Amino acid sequence: MKIDRVQSLIWSAFSPQVPRYAKPAPTKVDITPETPATRNPEQKTRSSDEFSTHLAYPFPISHLPPALAAELPSWPASLGRAINDQPNIDLLYFEPYVARGLGGGGNARSLFEFLRAELPFYRVEYDINRGGTSTHIRTPRWTTVFGLDDTSRFGGGGNEKVLDAKTGRDVSTDKFYSRYKPRPIPKCLDELRLSAQRATGCEFNFCLVNYYASGADSISFHSDDERFLGPLPAIASFSLGARRDFLLKHKPTPPPPGVSTRRP
């Protein structure tokens, strides 16, 4: 899981198809934007105040179980280790952040299984045209996103409107927001966001969750360097489930205009 300051423009540049919402865990049925969401039988026995709801959610999203919520004040479970011995890297690393093996659901495995079962995941698919050849791209991972960047905020009853952060003007019908409905961060993820803020001293306003169903799923090297993020955006990343390598590499500074880097 990755919590950061990136807006939901991550897939908009290629005109993606309407996403099909799905639950990787078998306890929830698949849901599409064209069909109404229905609670499964186990949800009907629970109080409505145990869920986050919004018109843009395909179904109500559960709050953290009490056992997990009770563990939040003890996170991070270790001191952060600064990694800044290479050029242009400023990283604070917690291992672990979520305590392991506390029992009663209060551990990283329980958090992983809860998020996998309760969040509305989908696969991003889009078409690109290169050299006159159309190629269909199906990203090798499940994804879900919540939040807005600093230029906008949620407002109105039920947070159903998107307002300009400076003027308060309703921008819900703007071209981008009318096509890709933003969704406020549900309480279960917002509690993790607030925990990350307390641990790092940074503020975060957007949550991107990637679920890698097997070793065949992946994400390629990328830079969170969109212009609206500013020169030094803060990124917080939670890794849950099986252990995987988290790779970083230095991004060379582009040469000044008119300077060639080609070798003779």
Protein backbone atom coordinates (compact mmCIF):
# COMPACT_ATOMS: atom_id res chain seq x y z
CA MET A 1 0.00 0.00 0.00
CA LYS A 2 1.23 3.42 -0.91
CA ILE A 3 0.01 6.63 0.71
CA ASP A 4 1.23 9.75 -1.00
CA ARG A 5 0.47 13.18 -2.41
CA VAL A 6 -0.25 12.01 -5.95
CA GLN A 7 -3.54 13.02 -7.59
CA SER A 8 -5.70 10.45 -9.36
CA LEU A 9 -4.22 11.47 -12.71
CA ILE A 10 -2.12 8.33 -12.70
CA TRP A 11 -4.21 6.68 -15.40
CA SER A 12 -6.17 9.55 -16.98
CA ALA A 13 -3.65 10.36 -19.72
CA PHE A 14 -4.47 7.29 -21.79
CA SER A 15 -8.31 7.36 -21.72
CA PRO A 16 -8.77 4.18 -19.65
CA GLN A 17 -11.84 2.00 -19.92
CA VAL A 18 -14.47 2.19 -17.19
CA PRO A 19 -12.96 0.14 -14.34
CA ARG A 20 -14.59 -3.06 -13.15
CA TYR A 21 -14.66 -3.06 -9.38
CA ALA A 22 -13.83 -6.37 -7.76
CA LYS A 23 -12.98 -7.97 -4.47
CA PRO A 24 -9.92 -10.23 -4.63
CA ALA A 25 -11.23 -12.02 -1.53
CA PRO A 26 -14.20 -14.36 -2.14
CA THR A 27 -16.41 -12.82 0.56
CA LYS A 28 -17.60 -9.98 -1.72
CA VAL A 29 -19.17 -10.09 -5.18
CA ASP A 30 -17.82 -8.23 -8.20
CA ILE A 31 -19.42 -4.82 -8.75
CA THR A 32 -19.43 -2.59 -11.79
CA PRO A 33 -20.27 1.12 -11.94
CA GLU A 34 -23.42 0.21 -13.92
CA THR A 35 -24.88 -2.08 -11.24
CA PRO A 36 -25.90 -0.99 -7.74
CA ALA A 37 -23.75 -2.13 -4.84
CA THR A 38 -25.39 -4.51 -2.38
CA ARG A 39 -24.17 -5.51 1.04
CA ASN A 40 -23.26 -9.11 1.59
CA PRO A 41 -25.12 -11.04 4.35
CA GLU A 42 -22.44 -10.44 7.00
CA GLN A 43 -22.70 -6.67 6.47
CA LYS A 44 -26.48 -6.63 7.08
CA THR A 45 -25.95 -7.55 10.71
CA ARG A 46 -23.60 -4.64 11.36
CA SER A 47 -24.42 -1.07 12.28
CA SER A 48 -24.20 1.57 9.53
CA ASP A 49 -21.77 3.60 11.65
CA GLU A 50 -19.18 0.84 11.17
CA PHE A 51 -18.75 1.80 7.50
CA SER A 52 -17.59 4.74 5.40
CA THR A 53 -20.09 5.61 2.67
CA HIS A 54 -20.00 7.93 -0.35
CA LEU A 55 -21.85 8.18 -3.65
CA ALA A 56 -18.60 7.35 -5.48
CA TYR A 57 -17.97 4.18 -3.44
CA PRO A 58 -19.29 1.02 -5.15
CA PHE A 59 -20.22 -0.31 -1.69
CA PRO A 60 -19.78 0.74 1.98
CA ILE A 61 -16.19 0.34 3.19
CA SER A 62 -15.71 -1.14 6.65
CA HIS A 63 -13.89 0.66 9.43
CA LEU A 64 -10.86 -1.06 10.94
CA PRO A 65 -11.77 -3.96 13.24
CA PRO A 66 -11.59 -3.01 16.94
CA ALA A 67 -8.48 -5.17 17.51
CA LEU A 68 -6.57 -3.33 14.77
CA ALA A 69 -7.86 0.10 15.77
CA ALA A 70 -6.68 -0.52 19.34
CA GLU A 71 -3.12 -1.10 18.07
CA LEU A 72 -2.87 2.18 16.14
CA PRO A 73 -1.47 4.26 19.04
CA SER A 74 1.50 1.85 19.29
CA TRP A 75 2.55 2.38 15.66
CA PRO A 76 5.24 2.73 14.45
CA ALA A 77 6.54 -0.40 16.15
CA SER A 78 10.19 0.63 15.61
CA LEU A 79 12.26 3.77 15.37
CA GLY A 80 12.67 5.25 11.93
CA ARG A 81 16.10 4.77 10.33
CA ALA A 82 17.31 7.66 8.17
CA ILE A 83 18.70 6.66 4.77
CA ASN A 84 20.39 9.68 3.22
CA ASP A 85 23.89 8.51 2.31
CA GLN A 86 23.38 8.80 -1.45
CA PRO A 87 22.75 11.89 -3.63
CA ASN A 88 19.16 13.15 -3.65
CA ILE A 89 17.77 10.55 -1.27
CA ASP A 90 16.05 11.48 1.99
CA LEU A 91 14.24 8.43 3.35
CA LEU A 92 12.92 7.43 6.78
CA TYR A 93 12.59 3.64 7.02
CA PHE A 94 10.55 1.78 9.66
CA GLU A 95 10.97 -2.01 9.92
CA PRO A 96 8.50 -2.94 11.11
CA TYR A 97 5.97 -0.12 11.16
CA VAL A 98 3.04 -2.37 12.08
CA ALA A 99 3.94 -4.73 14.93
CA ARG A 100 4.10 -8.41 13.99
CA GLY A 101 2.59 -11.31 15.91
CA LEU A 102 0.62 -9.40 18.53
CA GLY A 103 -2.37 -11.69 18.10
CA GLY A 104 -6.03 -10.73 18.22
CA GLY A 105 -5.87 -9.30 14.70
CA GLY A 106 -3.46 -6.54 15.72
CA ASN A 107 -0.66 -7.27 13.27
CA ALA A 108 0.49 -6.62 9.74
CA ARG A 109 -1.02 -9.84 8.37
CA SER A 110 -4.45 -8.98 9.75
CA LEU A 111 -4.23 -5.48 8.29
CA PHE A 112 -3.23 -6.92 4.90
CA GLU A 113 -6.14 -9.38 4.88
CA PHE A 114 -8.62 -6.72 6.00
CA LEU A 115 -7.63 -4.24 3.27
CA ARG A 116 -7.57 -6.96 0.60
CA ALA A 117 -11.10 -8.04 1.56
CA GLU A 118 -12.73 -4.65 2.14
CA LEU A 119 -11.40 -2.22 -0.50
CA PRO A 120 -12.87 -1.89 -4.03
CA PHE A 121 -10.01 -2.93 -6.30
CA TYR A 122 -9.93 -2.86 -10.10
CA ARG A 123 -7.40 -3.31 -12.88
CA VAL A 124 -6.57 -0.22 -14.93
CA GLU A 125 -6.87 -0.90 -18.67
CA TYR A 126 -6.25 1.50 -21.54
CA ASP A 127 -5.25 1.66 -25.20
CA ILE A 128 -2.19 3.44 -26.58
CA ASN A 129 -1.25 4.16 -30.18
CA ARG A 130 2.41 4.00 -31.14
CA GLY A 131 3.47 4.34 -34.75
CA GLY A 132 -0.03 3.65 -35.97
CA THR A 133 -0.31 0.42 -33.97
CA SER A 134 -2.92 0.23 -31.22
CA THR A 135 -1.97 -1.74 -28.12
CA HIS A 136 -4.25 -2.67 -25.24
CA ILE A 137 -2.57 -2.35 -21.83
CA ARG A 138 -3.81 -4.30 -18.80
CA THR A 139 -1.78 -3.28 -15.77
CA PRO A 140 -0.33 -6.23 -13.81
CA ARG A 141 -1.85 -5.33 -10.42
CA TRP A 142 -5.09 -4.39 -8.68
CA THR A 143 -5.53 -0.72 -7.77
CA THR A 144 -7.79 1.63 -5.84
CA VAL A 145 -7.43 5.37 -5.17
CA PHE A 146 -8.91 7.93 -2.78
CA GLY A 147 -8.42 11.64 -2.06
CA LEU A 148 -7.61 14.91 -3.82
CA ASP A 149 -4.52 17.03 -4.31
CA ASP A 150 -4.08 20.42 -2.64
CA THR A 151 -5.95 22.31 -5.38
CA SER A 152 -9.34 20.90 -4.35
CA ARG A 153 -11.31 19.65 -1.36
CA PHE A 154 -14.52 17.76 -0.69
CA GLY A 155 -17.58 19.68 0.47
CA GLY A 156 -21.37 19.71 0.65
CA GLY A 157 -23.59 17.26 2.45
CA GLY A 158 -21.98 13.84 2.37
CA ASN A 159 -18.85 15.29 0.73
CA GLU A 160 -20.46 14.73 -2.67
CA LYS A 161 -19.06 17.96 -4.16
CA VAL A 162 -15.52 18.87 -5.19
CA LEU A 163 -14.64 22.47 -4.34
CA ASP A 164 -11.73 24.65 -5.40
CA ALA A 165 -9.43 24.86 -2.37
CA LYS A 166 -8.88 28.63 -2.72
CA THR A 167 -12.22 29.98 -3.96
CA GLY A 168 -14.66 27.37 -2.72
CA ARG A 169 -16.18 27.19 -6.22
CA ASP A 170 -17.92 23.95 -7.10
CA VAL A 171 -15.73 22.20 -9.69
CA SER A 172 -17.57 18.86 -9.61
CA THR A 173 -18.74 19.34 -13.21
CA ASP A 174 -15.29 20.22 -14.57
CA LYS A 175 -14.19 17.91 -17.37
CA PHE A 176 -11.81 15.80 -15.31
CA TYR A 177 -13.89 15.47 -12.13
CA SER A 178 -17.14 14.76 -14.02
CA ARG A 179 -15.50 11.83 -15.81
CA TYR A 180 -13.44 10.42 -12.94
CA LYS A 181 -15.41 10.84 -9.72
CA PRO A 182 -13.01 11.55 -6.81
CA ARG A 183 -13.58 9.60 -3.62
CA PRO A 184 -12.77 10.77 -0.09
CA ILE A 185 -10.38 8.60 1.91
CA PRO A 186 -12.42 6.06 3.96
CA LYS A 187 -11.92 5.96 7.71
CA CYS A 188 -9.93 2.70 7.65
CA LEU A 189 -7.27 4.29 5.39
CA ASP A 190 -7.52 7.72 6.95
CA GLU A 191 -6.41 6.28 10.29
CA LEU A 192 -3.29 4.93 8.58
CA ARG A 193 -2.75 8.31 6.92
CA LEU A 194 -2.92 10.09 10.29
CA SER A 195 -0.53 7.55 11.80
CA ALA A 196 1.98 8.20 9.00
CA GLN A 197 1.65 11.95 9.56
CA ARG A 198 2.40 11.61 13.26
CA ALA A 199 5.43 9.41 12.56
CA THR A 200 6.95 11.56 9.82
CA GLY A 201 5.79 15.14 10.43
CA CYS A 202 4.59 15.30 6.80
CA GLU A 203 1.04 15.81 5.58
CA PHE A 204 -0.61 13.42 3.10
CA ASN A 205 -3.82 13.97 1.16
CA PHE A 206 -4.13 11.10 -1.29
CA CYS A 207 -4.09 7.32 -0.95
CA LEU A 208 -3.15 4.84 -3.68
CA VAL A 209 -3.43 1.14 -2.81
CA ASN A 210 -1.90 -1.51 -5.06
CA TYR A 211 -2.65 -5.20 -4.53
CA TYR A 212 -0.20 -7.66 -6.10
CA ALA A 213 -2.07 -10.97 -6.25
CA SER A 214 1.00 -13.07 -7.08
CA GLY A 215 4.68 -12.87 -7.92
CA ALA A 216 3.66 -12.17 -11.52
CA ASP A 217 2.11 -8.80 -10.57
CA SER A 218 4.38 -5.76 -10.49
CA ILE A 219 4.86 -2.03 -10.98
CA SER A 220 7.65 -0.54 -13.06
CA PHE A 221 10.09 2.21 -12.07
CA HIS A 222 8.33 5.56 -12.01
CA SER A 223 8.72 9.10 -10.66
CA ASP A 224 6.09 10.91 -8.61
CA ASP A 225 7.17 14.20 -10.17
CA GLU A 226 3.97 15.77 -11.49
CA ARG A 227 4.34 19.55 -11.55
CA PHE A 228 1.39 20.23 -9.23
CA LEU A 229 3.12 18.25 -6.46
CA GLY A 230 5.81 20.89 -6.09
CA PRO A 231 9.58 20.39 -6.07
CA LEU A 232 9.79 18.11 -2.99
CA PRO A 233 6.64 15.98 -2.57
CA ALA A 234 6.47 13.59 0.39
CA ILE A 235 5.63 9.94 -0.27
CA ALA A 236 4.73 7.40 2.44
CA SER A 237 4.64 3.72 1.46
CA PHE A 238 3.29 0.82 3.52
CA SER A 239 4.31 -2.70 2.42
CA LEU A 240 2.09 -5.52 3.69
CA GLY A 241 1.87 -9.25 3.00
CA ALA A 242 4.75 -11.26 1.51
CA ARG A 243 8.25 -9.77 1.60
CA ARG A 244 9.34 -8.11 -1.63
CA ASP A 245 12.29 -5.96 -2.70
CA PHE A 246 11.47 -2.24 -2.85
CA LEU A 247 13.83 -0.84 -5.47
CA LEU A 248 14.99 2.75 -5.82
CA LYS A 249 17.41 4.15 -8.36
CA HIS A 250 18.90 7.56 -8.95
CA LYS A 251 17.22 9.63 -11.63
CA PRO A 252 19.90 11.59 -13.55
CA THR A 253 19.46 15.34 -13.76
CA PRO A 254 18.60 16.30 -17.36
CA PRO A 255 21.30 18.32 -19.15
CA PRO A 256 20.78 22.05 -19.75
CA PRO A 257 19.09 23.03 -23.03
CA GLY A 258 21.46 22.77 -25.98
CA VAL A 259 23.88 20.41 -24.23
CA SER A 260 24.27 16.97 -25.80
CA THR A 261 24.99 13.88 -23.71
CA ARG A 262 25.72 11.60 -26.67
CA ARG A 263 29.10 9.94 -26.75
CA PRO A 264 31.22 10.33 -29.90
